[in-house]
Amino acid sequence: MTYRQERPNPYACVHRGGIDLHFFGVPEFDPADSMGSVIVQVEDTEALHKSFAAGLHAAFGKIPVSGIPG
């Protein structure tokens, strides 16, 4: 994570390799009732998946397979 703010508006930025992903909160947005998608192409999918899974496990004690982690 390269940047995070909670006020006046929730916003965060993460960086990995040459990719920056920016996220912002919208009060009316309900991810359970919304649709959105993004495609990020990488050369080594397996390595990125392993790293991502390890981060989820470290944060949640398991790798969530459904729902919205919170």
PDB file of N, CA and C in Angstrom:
ATOM      1  N   MET A   1       0.856  -1.163   0.000  1.00  0.00           N
ATOM      2  CA  MET A   1       0.000   0.000   0.000  1.00  0.00           C
ATOM      3  C   MET A   1       0.904   1.228   0.000  1.00  0.00           C
ATOM      4  N   THR A   2       0.671   2.103  -0.955  1.00  0.00           N
ATOM      5  CA  THR A   2       1.497   3.299  -1.036  1.00  0.00           C
ATOM      6  C   THR A   2       0.796   4.528  -0.479  1.00  0.00           C
ATOM      7  N   TYR A   3      -0.532   4.452  -0.345  1.00  0.00           N
ATOM      8  CA  TYR A   3      -1.264   5.589   0.197  1.00  0.00           C
ATOM      9  C   TYR A   3      -2.597   5.113   0.732  1.00  0.00           C
ATOM     10  N   ARG A   4      -3.023   5.719   1.854  1.00  0.00           N
ATOM     11  CA  ARG A   4      -4.341   5.404   2.409  1.00  0.00           C
ATOM     12  C   ARG A   4      -4.870   6.625   3.137  1.00  0.00           C
ATOM     13  N   GLN A   5      -6.123   6.919   2.900  1.00  0.00           N
ATOM     14  CA  GLN A   5      -6.779   7.981   3.664  1.00  0.00           C
ATOM     15  C   GLN A   5      -8.192   7.526   3.973  1.00  0.00           C
ATOM     16  N   GLU A   6      -8.700   7.961   5.127  1.00  0.00           N
ATOM     17  CA  GLU A   6     -10.065   7.623   5.502  1.00  0.00           C
ATOM     18  C   GLU A   6     -10.986   8.834   5.402  1.00  0.00           C
ATOM     19  N   ARG A   7     -10.420  10.030   5.589  1.00  0.00           N
ATOM     20  CA  ARG A   7     -11.216  11.249   5.544  1.00  0.00           C
ATOM     21  C   ARG A   7     -10.524  12.295   4.698  1.00  0.00           C
ATOM     22  N   PRO A   8     -11.218  13.121   3.995  1.00  0.00           N
ATOM     23  CA  PRO A   8     -12.679  13.245   3.982  1.00  0.00           C
ATOM     24  C   PRO A   8     -13.359  12.159   3.148  1.00  0.00           C
ATOM     25  N   ASN A   9     -12.601  11.455   2.300  1.00  0.00           N
ATOM     26  CA  ASN A   9     -13.161  10.374   1.500  1.00  0.00           C
ATOM     27  C   ASN A   9     -12.226   9.174   1.575  1.00  0.00           C
ATOM     28  N   PRO A  10     -12.774   7.949   1.701  1.00  0.00           N
ATOM     29  CA  PRO A  10     -11.892   6.780   1.725  1.00  0.00           C
ATOM     30  C   PRO A  10     -11.186   6.600   0.382  1.00  0.00           C
ATOM     31  N   TYR A  11      -9.872   6.386   0.459  1.00  0.00           N
ATOM     32  CA  TYR A  11      -9.074   6.263  -0.757  1.00  0.00           C
ATOM     33  C   TYR A  11      -7.815   5.479  -0.424  1.00  0.00           C
ATOM     34  N   ALA A  12      -7.388   4.610  -1.330  1.00  0.00           N
ATOM     35  CA  ALA A  12      -6.148   3.857  -1.120  1.00  0.00           C
ATOM     36  C   ALA A  12      -5.499   3.577  -2.467  1.00  0.00           C
ATOM     37  N   CYS A  13      -4.187   3.418  -2.429  1.00  0.00           N
ATOM     38  CA  CYS A  13      -3.429   3.062  -3.616  1.00  0.00           C
ATOM     39  C   CYS A  13      -2.463   1.944  -3.240  1.00  0.00           C
ATOM     40  N   VAL A  14      -2.379   0.939  -4.088  1.00  0.00           N
ATOM     41  CA  VAL A  14      -1.418  -0.146  -3.895  1.00  0.00           C
ATOM     42  C   VAL A  14      -0.536  -0.221  -5.131  1.00  0.00           C
ATOM     43  N   HIS A  15       0.683  -0.656  -4.931  1.00  0.00           N
ATOM     44  CA  HIS A  15       1.656  -0.736  -6.022  1.00  0.00           C
ATOM     45  C   HIS A  15       2.321  -2.101  -5.992  1.00  0.00           C
ATOM     46  N   ARG A  16       2.466  -2.704  -7.144  1.00  0.00           N
ATOM     47  CA  ARG A  16       3.191  -3.976  -7.279  1.00  0.00           C
ATOM     48  C   ARG A  16       3.799  -3.997  -8.672  1.00  0.00           C
ATOM     49  N   GLY A  17       5.098  -4.234  -8.728  1.00  0.00           N
ATOM     50  CA  GLY A  17       5.762  -4.216 -10.027  1.00  0.00           C
ATOM     51  C   GLY A  17       5.560  -2.858 -10.672  1.00  0.00           C
ATOM     52  N   GLY A  18       5.098  -2.836 -11.886  1.00  0.00           N
ATOM     53  CA  GLY A  18       4.840  -1.581 -12.574  1.00  0.00           C
ATOM     54  C   GLY A  18       3.386  -1.166 -12.562  1.00  0.00           C
ATOM     55  N   ILE A  19       2.604  -1.717 -11.639  1.00  0.00           N
ATOM     56  CA  ILE A  19       1.161  -1.461 -11.622  1.00  0.00           C
ATOM     57  C   ILE A  19       0.776  -0.698 -10.367  1.00  0.00           C
ATOM     58  N   ASP A  20       0.001   0.353 -10.537  1.00  0.00           N
ATOM     59  CA  ASP A  20      -0.616   1.076  -9.422  1.00  0.00           C
ATOM     60  C   ASP A  20      -2.123   0.899  -9.540  1.00  0.00           C
ATOM     61  N   LEU A  21      -2.758   0.474  -8.458  1.00  0.00           N
ATOM     62  CA  LEU A  21      -4.217   0.349  -8.422  1.00  0.00           C
ATOM     63  C   LEU A  21      -4.743   1.339  -7.394  1.00  0.00           C
ATOM     64  N   HIS A  22      -5.706   2.149  -7.799  1.00  0.00           N
ATOM     65  CA  HIS A  22      -6.299   3.162  -6.930  1.00  0.00           C
ATOM     66  C   HIS A  22      -7.748   2.773  -6.632  1.00  0.00           C
ATOM     67  N   PHE A  23      -8.127   2.889  -5.365  1.00  0.00           N
ATOM     68  CA  PHE A  23      -9.475   2.529  -4.928  1.00  0.00           C
ATOM     69  C   PHE A  23     -10.065   3.700  -4.149  1.00  0.00           C
ATOM     70  N   PHE A  24     -11.352   3.936  -4.336  1.00  0.00           N
ATOM     71  CA  PHE A  24     -12.016   4.983  -3.572  1.00  0.00           C
ATOM     72  C   PHE A  24     -13.390   4.488  -3.150  1.00  0.00           C
ATOM     73  N   GLY A  25     -13.868   5.012  -2.040  1.00  0.00           N
ATOM     74  CA  GLY A  25     -15.157   4.601  -1.513  1.00  0.00           C
ATOM     75  C   GLY A  25     -16.277   5.509  -1.982  1.00  0.00           C
ATOM     76  N   VAL A  26     -17.423   4.907  -2.220  1.00  0.00           N
ATOM     77  CA  VAL A  26     -18.640   5.635  -2.569  1.00  0.00           C
ATOM     78  C   VAL A  26     -19.701   5.187  -1.574  1.00  0.00           C
ATOM     79  N   PRO A  27     -20.242   6.112  -0.777  1.00  0.00           N
ATOM     80  CA  PRO A  27     -21.170   5.712   0.295  1.00  0.00           C
ATOM     81  C   PRO A  27     -22.342   4.843  -0.165  1.00  0.00           C
ATOM     82  N   GLU A  28     -22.892   5.095  -1.335  1.00  0.00           N
ATOM     83  CA  GLU A  28     -24.065   4.350  -1.802  1.00  0.00           C
ATOM     84  C   GLU A  28     -23.704   3.004  -2.421  1.00  0.00           C
ATOM     85  N   PHE A  29     -22.414   2.729  -2.624  1.00  0.00           N
ATOM     86  CA  PHE A  29     -21.987   1.517  -3.310  1.00  0.00           C
ATOM     87  C   PHE A  29     -22.097   0.308  -2.392  1.00  0.00           C
ATOM     88  N   ASP A  30     -22.813  -0.701  -2.839  1.00  0.00           N
ATOM     89  CA  ASP A  30     -22.935  -1.966  -2.104  1.00  0.00           C
ATOM     90  C   ASP A  30     -22.368  -3.060  -3.000  1.00  0.00           C
ATOM     91  N   PRO A  31     -21.146  -3.563  -2.696  1.00  0.00           N
ATOM     92  CA  PRO A  31     -20.533  -4.554  -3.584  1.00  0.00           C
ATOM     93  C   PRO A  31     -21.372  -5.808  -3.770  1.00  0.00           C
ATOM     94  N   ALA A  32     -22.190  -6.154  -2.790  1.00  0.00           N
ATOM     95  CA  ALA A  32     -23.024  -7.350  -2.916  1.00  0.00           C
ATOM     96  C   ALA A  32     -24.109  -7.171  -3.980  1.00  0.00           C
ATOM     97  N   ASP A  33     -24.491  -5.926  -4.240  1.00  0.00           N
ATOM     98  CA  ASP A  33     -25.549  -5.655  -5.210  1.00  0.00           C
ATOM     99  C   ASP A  33     -25.039  -4.945  -6.457  1.00  0.00           C
ATOM    100  N   SER A  34     -23.735  -4.951  -6.657  1.00  0.00           N
ATOM    101  CA  SER A  34     -23.160  -4.219  -7.774  1.00  0.00           C
ATOM    102  C   SER A  34     -22.301  -5.141  -8.634  1.00  0.00           C
ATOM    103  N   MET A  35     -22.049  -4.697  -9.845  1.00  0.00           N
ATOM    104  CA  MET A  35     -21.191  -5.464 -10.718  1.00  0.00           C
ATOM    105  C   MET A  35     -20.032  -4.580 -11.165  1.00  0.00           C
ATOM    106  N   GLY A  36     -18.875  -5.119 -11.134  1.00  0.00           N
ATOM    107  CA  GLY A  36     -17.706  -4.401 -11.611  1.00  0.00           C
ATOM    108  C   GLY A  36     -16.636  -5.420 -11.943  1.00  0.00           C
ATOM    109  N   SER A  37     -15.710  -5.031 -12.775  1.00  0.00           N
ATOM    110  CA  SER A  37     -14.635  -5.950 -13.113  1.00  0.00           C
ATOM    111  C   SER A  37     -13.414  -5.160 -13.537  1.00  0.00           C
ATOM    112  N   VAL A  38     -12.294  -5.851 -13.511  1.00  0.00           N
ATOM    113  CA  VAL A  38     -11.039  -5.275 -13.965  1.00  0.00           C
ATOM    114  C   VAL A  38     -10.176  -6.422 -14.469  1.00  0.00           C
ATOM    115  N   ILE A  39      -9.379  -6.167 -15.463  1.00  0.00           N
ATOM    116  CA  ILE A  39      -8.436  -7.161 -15.964  1.00  0.00           C
ATOM    117  C   ILE A  39      -7.038  -6.588 -15.800  1.00  0.00           C
ATOM    118  N   VAL A  40      -6.181  -7.339 -15.147  1.00  0.00           N
ATOM    119  CA  VAL A  40      -4.776  -6.963 -15.008  1.00  0.00           C
ATOM    120  C   VAL A  40      -3.971  -8.111 -15.590  1.00  0.00           C
ATOM    121  N   GLN A  41      -3.287  -7.878 -16.676  1.00  0.00           N
ATOM    122  CA  GLN A  41      -2.499  -8.932 -17.312  1.00  0.00           C
ATOM    123  C   GLN A  41      -1.105  -8.959 -16.710  1.00  0.00           C
ATOM    124  N   VAL A  42      -0.658 -10.163 -16.360  1.00  0.00           N
ATOM    125  CA  VAL A  42       0.679 -10.349 -15.788  1.00  0.00           C
ATOM    126  C   VAL A  42       1.358 -11.510 -16.509  1.00  0.00           C
ATOM    127  N   GLU A  43       2.681 -11.528 -16.447  1.00  0.00           N
ATOM    128  CA  GLU A  43       3.424 -12.596 -17.120  1.00  0.00           C
ATOM    129  C   GLU A  43       3.413 -13.894 -16.325  1.00  0.00           C
ATOM    130  N   ASP A  44       3.501 -13.820 -14.987  1.00  0.00           N
ATOM    131  CA  ASP A  44       3.588 -15.021 -14.165  1.00  0.00           C
ATOM    132  C   ASP A  44       2.395 -15.088 -13.216  1.00  0.00           C
ATOM    133  N   THR A  45       1.293 -15.623 -13.725  1.00  0.00           N
ATOM    134  CA  THR A  45       0.062 -15.703 -12.958  1.00  0.00           C
ATOM    135  C   THR A  45       0.233 -16.533 -11.689  1.00  0.00           C
ATOM    136  N   GLU A  46       0.947 -17.644 -11.783  1.00  0.00           N
ATOM    137  CA  GLU A  46       1.105 -18.524 -10.620  1.00  0.00           C
ATOM    138  C   GLU A  46       1.824 -17.824  -9.472  1.00  0.00           C
ATOM    139  N   ALA A  47       2.899 -17.124  -9.767  1.00  0.00           N
ATOM    140  CA  ALA A  47       3.642 -16.424  -8.716  1.00  0.00           C
ATOM    141  C   ALA A  47       2.788 -15.336  -8.067  1.00  0.00           C
ATOM    142  N   LEU A  48       2.040 -14.586  -8.874  1.00  0.00           N
ATOM    143  CA  LEU A  48       1.185 -13.542  -8.331  1.00  0.00           C
ATOM    144  C   LEU A  48       0.073 -14.145  -7.483  1.00  0.00           C
ATOM    145  N   HIS A  49      -0.507 -15.245  -7.946  1.00  0.00           N
ATOM    146  CA  HIS A  49      -1.567 -15.918  -7.166  1.00  0.00           C
ATOM    147  C   HIS A  49      -1.033 -16.396  -5.826  1.00  0.00           C
ATOM    148  N   LYS A  50       0.140 -17.002  -5.810  1.00  0.00           N
ATOM    149  CA  LYS A  50       0.731 -17.477  -4.548  1.00  0.00           C
ATOM    150  C   LYS A  50       0.949 -16.324  -3.578  1.00  0.00           C
ATOM    151  N   SER A  51       1.450 -15.214  -4.077  1.00  0.00           N
ATOM    152  CA  SER A  51       1.688 -14.044  -3.236  1.00  0.00           C
ATOM    153  C   SER A  51       0.374 -13.472  -2.711  1.00  0.00           C
ATOM    154  N   PHE A  52      -0.617 -13.378  -3.579  1.00  0.00           N
ATOM    155  CA  PHE A  52      -1.924 -12.862  -3.192  1.00  0.00           C
ATOM    156  C   PHE A  52      -2.570 -13.774  -2.146  1.00  0.00           C
ATOM    157  N   ALA A  53      -2.512 -15.085  -2.363  1.00  0.00           N
ATOM    158  CA  ALA A  53      -3.091 -16.048  -1.421  1.00  0.00           C
ATOM    159  C   ALA A  53      -2.389 -15.959  -0.067  1.00  0.00           C
ATOM    160  N   ALA A  54      -1.073 -15.803  -0.069  1.00  0.00           N
ATOM    161  CA  ALA A  54      -0.326 -15.678   1.182  1.00  0.00           C
ATOM    162  C   ALA A  54      -0.749 -14.416   1.933  1.00  0.00           C
ATOM    163  N   GLY A  55      -0.967 -13.327   1.208  1.00  0.00           N
ATOM    164  CA  GLY A  55      -1.423 -12.087   1.843  1.00  0.00           C
ATOM    165  C   GLY A  55      -2.807 -12.223   2.442  1.00  0.00           C
ATOM    166  N   LEU A  56      -3.722 -12.894   1.719  1.00  0.00           N
ATOM    167  CA  LEU A  56      -5.063 -13.137   2.263  1.00  0.00           C
ATOM    168  C   LEU A  56      -4.996 -14.005   3.513  1.00  0.00           C
ATOM    169  N   HIS A  57      -4.171 -15.042   3.465  1.00  0.00           N
ATOM    170  CA  HIS A  57      -4.036 -15.931   4.615  1.00  0.00           C
ATOM    171  C   HIS A  57      -3.477 -15.177   5.813  1.00  0.00           C
ATOM    172  N   ALA A  58      -2.501 -14.313   5.581  1.00  0.00           N
ATOM    173  CA  ALA A  58      -1.913 -13.528   6.670  1.00  0.00           C
ATOM    174  C   ALA A  58      -2.941 -12.560   7.265  1.00  0.00           C
ATOM    175  N   ALA A  59      -3.777 -11.980   6.418  1.00  0.00           N
ATOM    176  CA  ALA A  59      -4.752 -10.989   6.879  1.00  0.00           C
ATOM    177  C   ALA A  59      -5.969 -11.609   7.550  1.00  0.00           C
ATOM    178  N   PHE A  60      -6.438 -12.769   7.035  1.00  0.00           N
ATOM    179  CA  PHE A  60      -7.689 -13.347   7.501  1.00  0.00           C
ATOM    180  C   PHE A  60      -7.540 -14.711   8.180  1.00  0.00           C
ATOM    181  N   GLY A  61      -6.310 -15.258   8.200  1.00  0.00           N
ATOM    182  CA  GLY A  61      -6.107 -16.573   8.808  1.00  0.00           C
ATOM    183  C   GLY A  61      -6.568 -17.715   7.921  1.00  0.00           C
ATOM    184  N   LYS A  62      -7.042 -17.391   6.752  1.00  0.00           N
ATOM    185  CA  LYS A  62      -7.497 -18.383   5.775  1.00  0.00           C
ATOM    186  C   LYS A  62      -7.592 -17.679   4.434  1.00  0.00           C
ATOM    187  N   ILE A  63      -7.871 -18.432   3.401  1.00  0.00           N
ATOM    188  CA  ILE A  63      -8.075 -17.846   2.084  1.00  0.00           C
ATOM    189  C   ILE A  63      -9.568 -17.889   1.800  1.00  0.00           C
ATOM    190  N   PRO A  64     -10.251 -16.728   1.861  1.00  0.00           N
ATOM    191  CA  PRO A  64     -11.692 -16.713   1.610  1.00  0.00           C
ATOM    192  C   PRO A  64     -11.994 -17.218   0.194  1.00  0.00           C
ATOM    193  N   VAL A  65     -13.035 -18.032   0.067  1.00  0.00           N
ATOM    194  CA  VAL A  65     -13.421 -18.555  -1.246  1.00  0.00           C
ATOM    195  C   VAL A  65     -14.764 -18.006  -1.709  1.00  0.00           C
ATOM    196  N   SER A  66     -15.422 -17.222  -0.847  1.00  0.00           N
ATOM    197  CA  SER A  66     -16.667 -16.589  -1.241  1.00  0.00           C
ATOM    198  C   SER A  66     -16.897 -15.390  -0.341  1.00  0.00           C
ATOM    199  N   GLY A  67     -17.829 -14.564  -0.736  1.00  0.00           N
ATOM    200  CA  GLY A  67     -18.173 -13.396   0.058  1.00  0.00           C
ATOM    201  C   GLY A  67     -17.225 -12.239  -0.178  1.00  0.00           C
ATOM    202  N   ILE A  68     -17.382 -11.217   0.635  1.00  0.00           N
ATOM    203  CA  ILE A  68     -16.581 -10.009   0.531  1.00  0.00           C
ATOM    204  C   ILE A  68     -15.780  -9.876   1.825  1.00  0.00           C
ATOM    205  N   PRO A  69     -14.460 -10.082   1.765  1.00  0.00           N
ATOM    206  CA  PRO A  69     -13.666  -9.964   2.988  1.00  0.00           C
ATOM    207  C   PRO A  69     -13.802  -8.567   3.589  1.00  0.00           C
ATOM    208  N   GLY A  70     -13.817  -8.504   4.892  1.00  0.00           N
ATOM    209  CA  GLY A  70     -13.982  -7.197   5.520  1.00  0.00           C
ATOM    210  C   GLY A  70     -13.083  -6.924   6.642  1.00  0.00           C
TER     211      GLY A  70
END
